[in-house]
Protein backbone atom coordinates (compact mmCIF):
# COMPACT_ATOMS: atom_id res chain seq x y z
CA UNK A 1 0.00 0.00 0.00
CA UNK A 2 2.96 2.33 0.58
CA UNK A 3 3.79 2.89 -3.13
CA UNK A 4 0.15 3.61 -3.95
CA UNK A 5 -0.17 6.02 -1.02
CA UNK A 6 3.06 7.79 -2.00
CA UNK A 7 2.06 8.10 -5.66
CA UNK A 8 -1.42 9.34 -4.75
CA UNK A 9 -0.01 11.99 -2.42
CA UNK A 10 2.42 13.18 -5.10
CA UNK A 11 -0.35 13.37 -7.71
CA UNK A 12 -2.66 15.20 -5.33
CA UNK A 13 0.08 17.66 -4.34
CA UNK A 14 1.23 18.41 -7.89
CA UNK A 15 -1.52 20.91 -8.67
CA UNK A 16 -0.78 22.83 -5.47
CA UNK A 17 2.97 22.90 -6.06
CA UNK A 18 2.57 24.20 -9.61
CA UNK A 19 -0.20 26.63 -8.70
CA UNK A 20 1.75 27.89 -5.67
CA UNK A 21 4.89 28.47 -7.71
CA UNK A 22 2.93 30.35 -10.38
CA UNK A 23 1.23 32.45 -7.72
CA UNK A 24 4.55 33.42 -6.20
CA UNK A 25 6.05 34.36 -9.56
CA UNK A 26 2.99 36.23 -10.85
CA UNK A 27 0.56 37.14 -8.05
CA UNK A 28 -1.05 39.92 -10.11
CA UNK A 29 -2.88 37.38 -12.27
CA UNK A 30 -4.85 36.27 -9.21
CA UNK A 31 -5.44 39.57 -7.45
CA UNK A 32 -8.76 40.36 -9.16
CA UNK A 33 -10.30 37.00 -8.25
CA UNK A 34 -8.85 37.05 -4.74
CA UNK A 35 -10.33 40.48 -4.00
CA UNK A 36 -13.74 38.84 -3.43
CA UNK A 37 -12.32 37.10 -0.36
CA UNK A 38 -9.61 39.49 0.79
CA UNK A 39 -11.96 42.49 0.90
CA UNK A 40 -13.98 40.62 3.52
CA UNK A 41 -10.88 39.53 5.42
CA UNK A 42 -9.20 42.94 5.64
CA UNK A 43 -11.22 44.23 8.62
CA UNK A 44 -10.66 40.96 10.49
CA UNK A 45 -6.93 41.04 9.86
CA UNK A 46 -6.65 44.68 10.89
CA UNK A 47 -8.51 43.98 14.14
CA UNK A 48 -6.45 40.86 14.86
CA UNK A 49 -3.11 42.61 14.43
CA UNK A 50 -2.48 45.92 12.64
CA UNK A 51 0.96 44.67 11.57
CA UNK A 52 -0.51 41.87 9.44
CA UNK A 53 -0.50 42.52 5.70
CA UNK A 54 -3.92 43.31 4.28
CA UNK A 55 -3.24 44.14 0.65
CA UNK A 56 -4.53 41.52 -1.75
CA UNK A 57 -1.28 41.01 -3.65
CA UNK A 58 0.64 40.16 -0.47
CA UNK A 59 -2.11 37.83 0.74
CA UNK A 60 -2.06 36.04 -2.63
CA UNK A 61 1.71 35.58 -2.32
CA UNK A 62 1.39 34.27 1.26
CA UNK A 63 -1.29 31.80 0.18
CA UNK A 64 0.78 30.73 -2.83
CA UNK A 65 3.82 30.19 -0.62
CA UNK A 66 1.76 28.13 1.82
CA UNK A 67 0.38 26.05 -1.07
CA UNK A 68 3.87 25.48 -2.47
CA UNK A 69 5.36 24.49 0.90
CA UNK A 70 2.44 22.28 1.94
CA UNK A 71 2.31 20.70 -1.51
CA UNK A 72 6.00 19.83 -1.34
CA UNK A 73 5.58 18.38 2.15
CA UNK A 74 2.61 16.30 1.02
CA UNK A 75 4.40 15.05 -2.09
CA UNK A 76 7.56 14.17 -0.16
CA UNK A 77 5.66 12.25 2.53
CA UNK A 78 6.79 14.59 5.32
CA UNK A 79 4.18 15.94 7.74
CA UNK A 80 1.49 14.77 5.35
CA UNK A 81 -1.50 15.22 7.63
CA UNK A 82 -0.81 18.87 8.58
CA UNK A 83 0.18 19.66 4.98
CA UNK A 84 -3.08 18.21 3.66
CA UNK A 85 -5.03 20.16 6.26
CA UNK A 86 -3.33 23.43 5.22
CA UNK A 87 -4.05 22.72 1.55
CA UNK A 88 -7.68 21.91 2.33
CA UNK A 89 -8.09 25.11 4.32
CA UNK A 90 -6.51 27.14 1.50
CA UNK A 91 -8.64 25.48 -1.16
CA UNK A 92 -11.94 26.70 0.28
CA UNK A 93 -11.43 30.45 -0.29
CA UNK A 94 -9.70 29.72 -3.60
CA UNK A 95 -12.71 27.79 -4.84
CA UNK A 96 -15.14 30.42 -3.61
CA UNK A 97 -13.21 33.30 -5.14
CA UNK A 98 -12.05 31.63 -8.33
CA UNK A 99 -15.16 29.78 -9.47
CA UNK A 100 -18.34 31.66 -8.51
CA UNK A 101 -20.44 29.85 -11.11
CA UNK A 102 -23.67 30.91 -9.39
CA UNK A 103 -23.07 34.55 -10.40
CA UNK A 104 -22.18 33.93 -14.05
CA UNK A 105 -24.30 33.72 -17.23
CA UNK A 106 -24.89 30.37 -18.89
CA UNK A 107 -21.92 30.01 -21.28
CA UNK A 108 -19.31 30.78 -18.62
CA UNK A 109 -21.28 29.11 -15.86
CA UNK A 110 -20.65 25.55 -17.06
CA UNK A 111 -16.87 25.87 -17.18
CA UNK A 112 -16.71 27.41 -13.70
CA UNK A 113 -19.15 24.85 -12.34
CA UNK A 114 -16.89 22.04 -13.58
CA UNK A 115 -13.84 23.70 -11.98
CA UNK A 116 -15.80 24.19 -8.75
CA UNK A 117 -16.69 20.49 -8.69
CA UNK A 118 -13.08 19.56 -9.47
CA UNK A 119 -11.97 21.59 -6.48
CA UNK A 120 -14.57 19.83 -4.33
CA UNK A 121 -13.05 16.53 -5.45
CA UNK A 122 -9.59 17.80 -4.54
CA UNK A 123 -10.94 18.91 -1.17
CA UNK A 124 -12.28 15.40 -0.58
CA UNK A 125 -8.90 13.90 -1.42
CA UNK A 126 -7.14 16.35 0.89
CA UNK A 127 -9.53 15.54 3.73
CA UNK A 128 -8.78 11.84 3.24
CA UNK A 129 -5.05 12.60 3.25
CA UNK A 130 -5.43 14.70 6.39
CA UNK A 131 -7.20 11.82 8.14
CA UNK A 132 -4.89 9.08 6.81
CA UNK A 133 -2.83 7.44 9.53
CA UNK A 134 -0.92 5.33 6.99
CA UNK A 135 -2.20 2.08 8.46
CA UNK A 136 -1.07 2.97 11.96
CA UNK A 137 -3.53 3.41 14.81
CA UNK A 138 -4.81 6.94 15.21
CA UNK A 139 -4.42 9.13 18.26
CA UNK A 140 -7.90 8.28 19.58
CA UNK A 141 -7.26 4.55 19.36
CA UNK A 142 -3.84 4.84 20.99
CA UNK A 143 -5.18 7.04 23.78
CA UNK A 144 -8.08 4.71 24.55
CA UNK A 145 -5.83 1.67 24.60
CA UNK A 146 -3.20 3.41 26.75
CA UNK A 147 -5.91 4.24 29.28
CA UNK A 148 -7.18 0.65 29.22
CA UNK A 149 -3.65 -0.68 29.73
CA UNK A 150 -3.00 1.69 32.62
CA UNK A 151 -6.32 0.76 34.26
CA UNK A 152 -5.49 -2.95 33.95
CA UNK A 153 -2.03 -2.31 35.34
CA UNK A 154 -3.51 -0.36 38.26
CA UNK A 155 -6.01 -3.15 39.07
CA UNK A 156 -3.19 -5.69 38.92
CA UNK A 157 -1.04 -3.57 41.26
CA UNK A 158 -3.92 -3.21 43.74
CA UNK A 159 -4.55 -6.98 43.73
CA UNK A 160 -0.86 -7.66 44.23
CA UNK A 161 -0.63 -5.13 47.08
CA UNK A 162 -3.67 -6.67 48.82
CA UNK A 163 -2.25 -10.19 48.43
CA UNK A 164 1.14 -9.15 49.78
CA UNK A 165 -0.52 -7.30 52.68
CA UNK A 166 -2.42 -10.50 53.60
CA UNK A 167 0.79 -12.52 53.38
CA UNK A 168 2.60 -9.96 55.55
CA UNK A 169 -0.25 -10.02 58.11
CA UNK A 170 -0.20 -13.83 58.27
CA UNK A 171 3.59 -13.81 58.55
CA UNK A 172 3.47 -11.25 61.37
CA UNK A 173 0.81 -13.24 63.23
CA UNK A 174 2.85 -16.40 62.85
CA UNK A 175 6.01 -14.64 63.97
CA UNK A 176 4.26 -13.41 67.14
CA UNK A 177 3.26 -16.97 68.03
CA UNK A 178 6.82 -18.29 67.76
CA UNK A 179 8.81 -18.44 70.97
CA UNK A 180 11.76 -16.33 71.27
């Protein structure tokens, strides 16, 4: 399963690596589409921290850099779950801003609707990659089993302590009965 998983991650990441690199080199081509989202985010960013960049071009470059880095991590098999989560989170505003098929007339609508659905498919793949434990038990499973093991160990220790206390009591009683 490892070669299939590795190949699938590389294929899934390829669009984000290429798109991220293009966005870093030429962010101006995406500024107009990104304005739909960044105009709404600007007040939030300014309230959160006035030092954060709020201009659309810079935000496009930051997003492109994040896509490039997360795509490379996903493709290389390093930190795959966080990388897939970052890509999934970045894909949502990209899809909303880049393919608003619901606002377009019929001839353009179909092409954007197809791209919107393609992005939904990518989002599904990224969510699967973010949840993939690569055949190893997940954190919930490991936590539950660690608790069960510690509870069993504690019960065993209590039983052993009670047994040894009874043995010690019997030994002390016997020792008191011995002359000397």
